[in-house]
Structures are given as structure tokens and as C-alpha cells.
Amino acid sequence: MATKVIAEAGVNHNGSLDLALKLVEEAKLSGADSIKFQTFKSESLASFSAPLAQYQKKSNSYKSQIDMLKSLELTDKDTKRIFSFCNEIGIEFMSSPFGVDELHFLLDLGMLSIKIPSGEITNYALISEIGKFISEGNINVLLSTGMSSLGDIEEALSLLRFKETLERITIMHCVSSYPAPNKDLNLKVLSTLQNCFGCKTGYSDHSENIIAPIISIALGASAIEKHLTLDKDLPGPDHKASITPKLFAKMVSDIRATEVMLGNSRKETKESEIENKLIARRSIRAFNNIQKGSLITKKNIIFQRPGNGLSPMEIDKVIGAVASKDYKDGDLILDLNLNEI
């Protein structure tokens, strides 16, 4: 199954519908399967006293989190236009709801995949409501797990009724740091999540490179999410931890190449190896002339390339037998009935 590649537009539209639509275009051109936004109501999401994170302070001049959020909030009309445009050009629209009302709005639009943001993994009301819809078989859920413990994940999964809905849940490993340093990425936790919960896993990447997503594919990730920006120097909280369309396209290309390279897990001779197998392996050959009726011993045979005769691994079929015909020096020993003479 092909890896699902999600371009995380997030709030990199800076509140502009035109910029959001341009991000959709670039995501499609870059080879992404989906593009994901965020759907929230600022005053429901944060209190007036909620502070900015340090990385947010560096990227804008807002005094509080709610002021920043208001500048990044899309209207319902904007979201509907983005959804329609995604359908027009053939890329899946996704958005992370930050509340129950936002969830219902997105589902009414026709969205089929819900991404639960890392910060909402303890939002009981939201996750419980999502659990109702996933149990009815209507949606797929990606659960982001930045800042979480295994206990947090288990509690969220229980609200999602994961024992009944296992096939429709993907647990997304994530490190909620912007950008996330390499030393904190902990990609081996993908195996831990697979072993603990038996769900599909994915990786939501906030690193500054495209190496981590590639590695995660080899570790079993079935979905990759990476922030996309048109310009890393734009104002806004997430641009610095995002990649531009050119690098995003390179990442998608490398992901598709990695899928091919990983193969099917069966150890077998590949078509491209067959010619070299003949050339590189050895066959049992006569060493000096061997007359008919003579005893075959280790002294009158040799193992030499190419491998177009009996394999040296079949030496027990040859040693101690009587030659059924004359062999010249270098002839292949091919008589499989030697031991019957």
C-alpha cells in the first residue's frame, strides 16, 4: 500500500484565502495525496491570558496567543472554497478540528479523514464525538501524539473505541517542537506504537530535513505529514519548521523510491540478478583429463566460474563416483547418475 503523504498547510496561509489556495496548488504539484488545514474558533480555543510559545514569539509581533490565532483563522466560507478547490484539482482536503462544532462543520462538508492535533489528545468532548462517527464506519482518524505518553494515547484510543475501529485509526508519531531537533525525533518509537496498540502508524514531521520521513517509511509508517510553506521567511508561527514546494516534491519522490526499495520481504533472486548469478557462481569441472571408469576424487575436480553446471554444494554427488565417460580438463561434470555406476 502506498504511503499517504499529507502536506500540512496548517496556518501557513496567514489568514489569506488566496495564499491558502496557492498552497493547495503547490501541494498538488508536489505530489501530495492530501493537504491539511486547521479549523478553529479563536475565542473557543484560547483564553485571553493564554501566552505565546517561545517559537511563536520569534515569528510574529502579537502579544497573546488569541491575537495570533485570530489573524490565522479561516472563515467557514473560506474553508468551503478551499474544500471545493481541492475537489476541482484532485487532492484530498483535510483539516484538524479543534472543537465539536468545528468537527460537525467539516463532516458536513464531506471530509472523510480527521486528524486529531497533538494538543487536543486530552480533549475529551472532541475525541468522544469523533469516536461516535468512526464507530459507524464513516471516517478514518489520524491521532497525533506529540507531547504524549503511552497512557495519554491509550486513553484517547479508548474514546475512539479502537478495539472495534482498529483498521480506521493511524497513530501519528510526532515531536511538538518547531523545528524539532534531530536528537529528539525518536523514530524508533514507531515500532513501540505498533507493538503496543496494533494500529497503523504514521509520522508527523517537524524537523528541518526530509531524512526523518524517509527513515520512518522503513520503520513501518503508512502516512507522512510535513509542513508546507511558500516562503520560510513569511511571518507566522510555523513557516520556519516547514519546507518549500521544491523540497516537498523531492521528499515525495524519495518516499516513492523508498517504497519500491523496501520490496516485499521475500528473499528471492531478482530478475536483474540472474545474469550475474551465472557469471559470479562456480561449477564443478574436471581438473586434468579424467578417463571413463576412473574414480572421481577431490584431486581431479575444480570449482570454477561460470555457474552453468553442478553447484559445488553438490560435491557429495560427485566424490567417490566412477566417471561414466571421458572428461577433458575443464569439462563440466554434469552426469547426475555418477553414483549409480
Foldseek 3Di string as FASTA:
>chain_A
DAFQEEAEQELLLQQDLVSLLVLLVLCVVLPHQAYEYAAEDLVVQDPPAAADDPLQVVQDPDGHPSVSVVRRHYDLVSVLVSCVSCVVVPHAYEYEYPDDVRVVSVVVSPHAEYEHDQVCLVVLRNLLVLLVCLLVVRHAYEYEHAPHDPVSVVVSCVSNVCVRRQARYEYEYEHPDQQDDPVPSPLLCLVVCCVPRVHAYAYEHQHQALVSRLVNVVVRHRYYYFYEHCDLNHGDSRSVSHDYSVRSSVSVVSSVVSVVVVPDPDDDDDPVCPVVLQFVFWAKAFAAKAAAFDADAPVGIDTDDGPPAHHPVVCVQRHGFGHRHIGHHGHGPHDSCRNVD
